[in-house]
Protein backbone atom coordinates (compact mmCIF):
# COMPACT_ATOMS: atom_id res chain seq x y z
CA MET A 1 30.72 -18.91 -26.76
CA ASP A 2 29.11 -19.82 -30.11
CA GLU A 3 29.94 -18.29 -33.49
CA ARG A 4 27.14 -15.71 -33.33
CA ALA A 5 28.33 -14.50 -29.94
CA ARG A 6 31.90 -14.40 -31.21
CA SER A 7 30.85 -12.08 -34.02
CA LEU A 8 29.01 -9.81 -31.57
CA TYR A 9 31.79 -9.63 -28.99
CA PRO A 10 35.22 -9.52 -30.68
CA ASP A 11 36.54 -7.51 -27.71
CA LEU A 12 35.62 -10.34 -25.37
CA ILE A 13 37.39 -12.83 -27.63
CA GLU A 14 40.49 -10.61 -27.57
CA HIS A 15 40.57 -10.45 -23.79
CA GLY A 16 39.37 -13.93 -22.93
CA GLY A 17 35.86 -13.01 -21.83
CA LEU A 18 33.86 -10.24 -20.18
CA ALA A 19 35.98 -10.13 -17.04
CA GLY A 20 39.15 -9.55 -19.07
CA ALA A 21 37.50 -7.05 -21.42
CA LEU A 22 36.13 -5.08 -18.46
CA ARG A 23 39.58 -5.02 -16.86
CA ALA A 24 40.96 -3.58 -20.08
CA ALA A 25 38.19 -0.97 -20.18
CA PHE A 26 39.02 0.09 -16.61
CA THR A 27 42.65 0.54 -17.65
CA ARG A 28 41.61 2.73 -20.61
CA ILE A 29 39.54 5.05 -18.41
CA ASP A 30 42.24 5.12 -15.71
CA SER A 31 39.98 3.51 -13.12
CA SER A 32 41.18 1.71 -9.98
CA MET A 33 38.21 -0.68 -10.11
CA ARG A 34 39.04 -4.39 -10.16
CA VAL A 35 36.99 -7.36 -11.33
CA ILE A 36 36.75 -10.02 -8.63
CA GLU A 37 36.45 -13.78 -8.81
CA LEU A 38 33.02 -14.71 -7.47
CA ASP A 39 31.77 -18.16 -6.51
CA GLY A 40 28.60 -19.01 -8.40
CA CYS A 41 29.33 -16.81 -11.40
CA ILE A 42 28.22 -18.58 -14.56
CA SER A 43 31.54 -17.87 -16.23
CA PRO A 44 34.01 -14.96 -16.37
CA VAL A 45 33.48 -15.21 -20.13
CA VAL A 46 29.91 -13.90 -19.89
CA CYS A 47 29.68 -12.20 -16.47
CA ALA A 48 31.82 -10.03 -14.23
CA THR A 49 31.53 -8.55 -10.73
CA VAL A 50 33.12 -5.48 -9.20
CA ARG A 51 32.79 -4.90 -5.45
CA TRP A 52 34.06 -2.43 -2.89
CA ALA A 53 32.80 -2.14 0.70
CA ASP A 54 29.00 -2.37 0.60
CA ARG A 55 28.68 -1.55 -3.12
CA GLU A 56 28.70 -3.93 -6.06
CA ALA A 57 28.09 -3.98 -9.81
CA GLN A 58 27.39 -7.09 -11.87
CA ALA A 59 27.73 -7.16 -15.66
CA PHE A 60 26.42 -9.75 -18.13
CA ILE A 61 26.15 -10.13 -21.88
CA ALA A 62 23.10 -10.81 -24.03
CA ALA A 63 23.15 -13.81 -26.36
CA LYS A 64 21.29 -12.57 -29.48
CA GLU A 65 22.51 -8.99 -29.70
CA ARG A 66 25.50 -6.99 -28.57
CA LEU A 67 24.32 -5.75 -25.20
CA PHE A 68 26.12 -5.39 -21.91
CA MET A 69 23.66 -5.54 -19.03
CA VAL A 70 24.69 -4.14 -15.67
CA GLU A 71 23.14 -4.11 -12.20
CA PHE A 72 24.05 -1.66 -9.45
CA TRP A 73 23.82 -3.04 -5.91
CA SER A 74 24.19 -1.57 -2.43
CA ARG A 75 23.93 -3.54 0.83
CA GLY A 76 22.33 -6.51 -0.85
CA VAL A 77 19.78 -4.55 -2.88
CA MET A 78 19.77 -3.93 -6.63
CA LEU A 79 18.93 -0.23 -6.84
CA ALA A 80 19.42 0.38 -10.57
CA SER A 81 20.14 -1.49 -13.79
CA GLY A 82 20.54 -0.96 -17.52
CA GLY A 83 22.09 -2.08 -20.76
CA THR A 84 24.21 -0.67 -23.56
CA PRO A 85 26.28 -2.08 -26.45
CA ASP A 86 29.24 0.09 -25.36
CA LEU A 87 31.46 -1.69 -22.82
CA GLU A 88 33.42 1.45 -22.00
CA SER A 89 30.19 3.18 -20.94
CA VAL A 90 29.53 0.25 -18.62
CA ALA A 91 33.03 0.59 -17.17
CA ILE A 92 32.53 4.32 -16.55
CA ALA A 93 29.15 3.70 -14.89
CA ILE A 94 30.59 1.00 -12.64
CA ASP A 95 33.49 3.29 -11.73
CA ARG A 96 31.00 6.02 -10.78
CA TRP A 97 28.88 3.67 -8.63
CA VAL A 98 31.24 1.34 -6.80
CA GLY A 99 33.16 3.00 -3.99
CA SER A 100 30.95 6.10 -4.05
CA ASN A 101 27.84 7.37 -2.29
CA ARG A 102 25.98 8.23 -5.49
CA THR A 103 22.26 7.50 -5.49
CA ALA A 104 20.31 5.53 -8.06
CA GLY A 105 18.87 8.86 -9.19
CA ASP A 106 22.37 10.22 -9.74
CA MET A 107 23.10 7.25 -12.00
CA THR A 108 19.97 7.72 -14.10
CA SER A 109 20.83 11.39 -14.53
CA ALA A 110 24.39 10.63 -15.60
CA PHE A 111 23.72 7.64 -17.88
CA ASP A 112 20.80 7.41 -20.28
CA PHE A 113 20.92 3.60 -20.28
CA VAL A 114 20.48 3.28 -16.49
CA GLU A 115 17.08 3.05 -14.78
CA ALA A 116 16.50 3.12 -11.02
CA ARG A 117 14.09 0.68 -9.38
CA LYS A 118 10.90 2.40 -8.28
CA ASP A 119 11.54 2.04 -4.55
CA ALA A 120 15.27 2.79 -4.63
CA TRP A 121 14.66 6.05 -2.79
CA SER A 122 13.26 4.20 0.22
CA TYR A 123 16.47 2.19 0.68
CA GLU A 124 18.63 5.26 0.24
CA GLN A 125 16.61 7.21 2.81
CA GLY A 126 16.40 4.36 5.32
CA MET A 127 12.65 3.95 4.81
CA GLU A 128 12.64 0.56 3.10
CA VAL A 129 10.94 -1.33 5.93
CA GLU A 130 7.99 1.02 6.08
CA GLU A 131 7.80 1.23 2.29
CA ARG A 132 7.72 -2.57 1.96
CA TRP A 133 4.87 -2.81 4.49
CA ARG A 134 3.02 -0.01 2.70
CA ALA A 135 3.40 -1.78 -0.64
CA TYR A 136 2.23 -5.12 0.78
CA LEU A 137 -0.78 -3.51 2.44
CA LYS A 138 -1.69 -1.78 -0.81
CA ALA A 139 -1.26 -4.80 -3.07
CA VAL A 140 -1.13 -8.19 -1.37
CA PRO A 141 0.87 -10.71 -3.46
CA ARG A 142 -1.85 -12.37 -5.53
CA SER A 143 0.06 -15.62 -5.79
CA ILE A 144 -0.76 -16.43 -2.15
CA PRO A 145 -4.54 -16.53 -1.49
CA GLY A 146 -5.47 -15.65 2.07
CA LEU A 147 -2.31 -13.71 2.82
CA GLY A 148 -4.01 -10.30 3.02
CA GLU A 149 -5.44 -10.83 6.49
CA VAL A 150 -2.17 -11.94 8.01
CA ILE A 151 -0.26 -9.03 6.41
CA ALA A 152 -2.80 -6.53 7.73
CA SER A 153 -2.70 -8.00 11.23
CA ALA A 154 1.09 -8.38 11.29
CA SER A 155 1.51 -4.74 10.27
CA GLU A 156 -0.24 -3.73 13.51
CA ARG A 157 2.17 -5.70 15.71
CA PRO A 158 5.20 -3.49 16.57
CA ALA A 159 7.44 -6.54 17.05
CA LEU A 160 6.75 -7.58 13.44
CA ARG A 161 6.27 -4.16 11.85
CA GLN A 162 9.91 -3.35 12.67
CA LEU A 163 11.10 -6.32 10.59
CA PHE A 164 11.42 -6.51 6.79
CA PRO A 165 8.58 -8.61 5.34
CA PHE A 166 9.04 -10.86 2.32
CA THR A 167 7.23 -13.84 0.82
CA SER A 168 8.61 -17.30 0.09
CA LEU A 169 6.39 -19.89 -1.55
CA ASP A 170 3.10 -19.54 0.38
CA ARG A 171 4.62 -17.95 3.47
CA LEU A 172 4.98 -14.49 4.93
CA CYS A 173 8.50 -14.21 6.33
CA PHE A 174 10.30 -11.62 8.43
CA SER A 175 13.94 -10.57 8.07
CA ARG A 176 16.20 -8.73 10.50
CA CYS A 177 17.98 -7.11 7.54
CA THR A 178 16.70 -5.40 4.39
CA GLY A 179 19.20 -6.73 1.83
CA TYR A 180 19.50 -10.16 0.23
CA PRO A 181 20.27 -12.73 1.49
CA PHE A 182 17.69 -12.14 4.21
CA THR A 183 18.00 -13.59 7.70
CA ARG A 184 16.27 -16.93 8.13
CA ASP A 185 16.15 -17.11 11.93
CA THR A 186 12.57 -15.94 12.46
CA PRO A 187 9.32 -17.92 12.12
CA SER A 188 7.10 -17.64 9.06
CA VAL A 189 3.33 -17.90 8.71
CA ALA A 190 1.19 -19.29 5.90
CA PRO A 191 -2.54 -19.73 5.21
CA SER A 192 -3.82 -23.26 5.79
CA GLY A 193 -7.42 -22.69 4.69
CA ASP A 194 -10.66 -21.62 6.34
CA LYS A 195 -9.02 -18.53 7.89
CA ARG A 196 -6.48 -20.66 9.70
CA TYR A 197 -2.72 -20.22 9.60
CA ARG A 198 0.27 -22.42 10.32
CA VAL A 199 3.59 -21.24 11.73
CA GLU A 200 6.98 -22.72 10.84
CA GLY A 201 10.21 -22.20 12.73
CA SER A 202 13.45 -21.14 11.10
CA ALA A 203 14.40 -24.79 10.53
CA GLY A 204 11.00 -25.64 9.05
CA GLU A 205 9.63 -27.16 12.23
CA ASP A 206 5.90 -26.93 12.98
CA LEU A 207 5.31 -24.39 15.75
CA GLY A 208 1.53 -24.63 15.71
CA GLY A 209 -1.20 -22.46 14.30
CA GLY A 210 -4.68 -21.05 14.69
CA ASN A 211 -6.54 -17.97 13.60
CA VAL A 212 -4.53 -15.00 12.42
CA GLU A 213 -4.02 -13.49 15.87
CA GLU A 214 -3.09 -16.82 17.46
CA ALA A 215 -0.61 -17.54 14.68
CA LEU A 216 1.05 -14.14 15.03
CA ASP A 217 1.31 -14.62 18.79
CA ILE A 218 3.30 -17.80 18.04
CA VAL A 219 5.56 -15.95 15.58
CA ILE A 220 6.36 -13.23 18.13
CA GLU A 221 6.93 -15.77 20.89
CA HIS A 222 9.61 -17.48 18.80
CA LEU A 223 11.49 -14.40 17.56
CA PRO A 224 15.23 -14.50 18.35
CA PRO A 225 16.25 -12.93 21.69
CA GLY A 226 16.84 -9.21 21.38
CA CYS A 227 15.24 -9.12 17.93
CA GLY A 228 15.21 -5.43 17.02
CA PRO A 229 14.47 -3.30 13.97
CA ALA A 230 15.68 -4.60 10.61
CA VAL A 231 18.99 -3.07 9.60
CA ALA A 232 20.39 -2.17 6.20
CA GLY A 233 22.64 -4.90 4.84
CA THR A 234 22.49 -8.65 4.45
CA ALA A 235 22.41 -11.75 6.62
CA ASP A 236 26.08 -12.22 5.75
CA ASP A 237 26.85 -8.73 7.09
CA ILE A 238 25.11 -9.53 10.37
CA GLY A 239 27.01 -12.81 10.63
CA ARG A 240 30.36 -11.10 10.03
CA ALA A 241 29.57 -8.42 12.62
CA LEU A 242 28.74 -11.05 15.22
CA ARG A 243 31.84 -13.10 14.44
CA SER A 244 34.03 -10.02 14.79
CA GLY A 245 32.63 -9.35 18.24
CA GLY A 246 30.03 -6.72 17.35
CA SER A 247 26.97 -7.13 19.54
CA ASP A 248 24.84 -4.39 18.01
CA ALA A 249 23.58 -5.17 14.49
CA GLU A 250 22.56 -1.54 14.06
CA GLU A 251 26.23 -0.73 13.61
CA LEU A 252 26.02 -2.23 10.10
């Protein structure tokens, strides 16, 4: 932490970083929340994570002004976020979110620095798959020319419409869960020019291609056995359920 940051965050200096300062704030507000050690965190000096069950909050600091930024996650989806210079307000907001069933709307009503993502309601009402398809059909990602036709056609295939669509590079992908990380065990399809499409398997292997209908036939043919509707949660959740002996991913 440079001298400017030190002057902005004396409380972090006192407690050895954001993780320590947030722990102290939880103690002051008599909260049972605990900061966890998380692999991949830039540094406990500038970021902190609090998690309980399927809820999580991640806090960070800004470099050029005193600002604590916080994200509110549920089942692998960031549903709300915000920022404030007051660390205790962040601690209170995290305490309200993690371990509760409050909605993103509840958080925006309770804290003037919190804003819900526009489609948060769809995740909270179990309508995120249909809402994602609706959004893609309304506004095809412009970064991928030629994707509109395959999205429109895929949306009419029940086997694909039940999955959660997302884009990666030039490909339309399908996930068996709606939170990140997504599952990567289904084929993807990408435009190859002149109204032709190529299909890649989950390991990147070439599965063939053709016009849009032929390509989607290939995708469906190579879906995992028993591939059902996308469930709320993440690929990690599905993996844990399977390892623990759960055979029905819908239990997540």
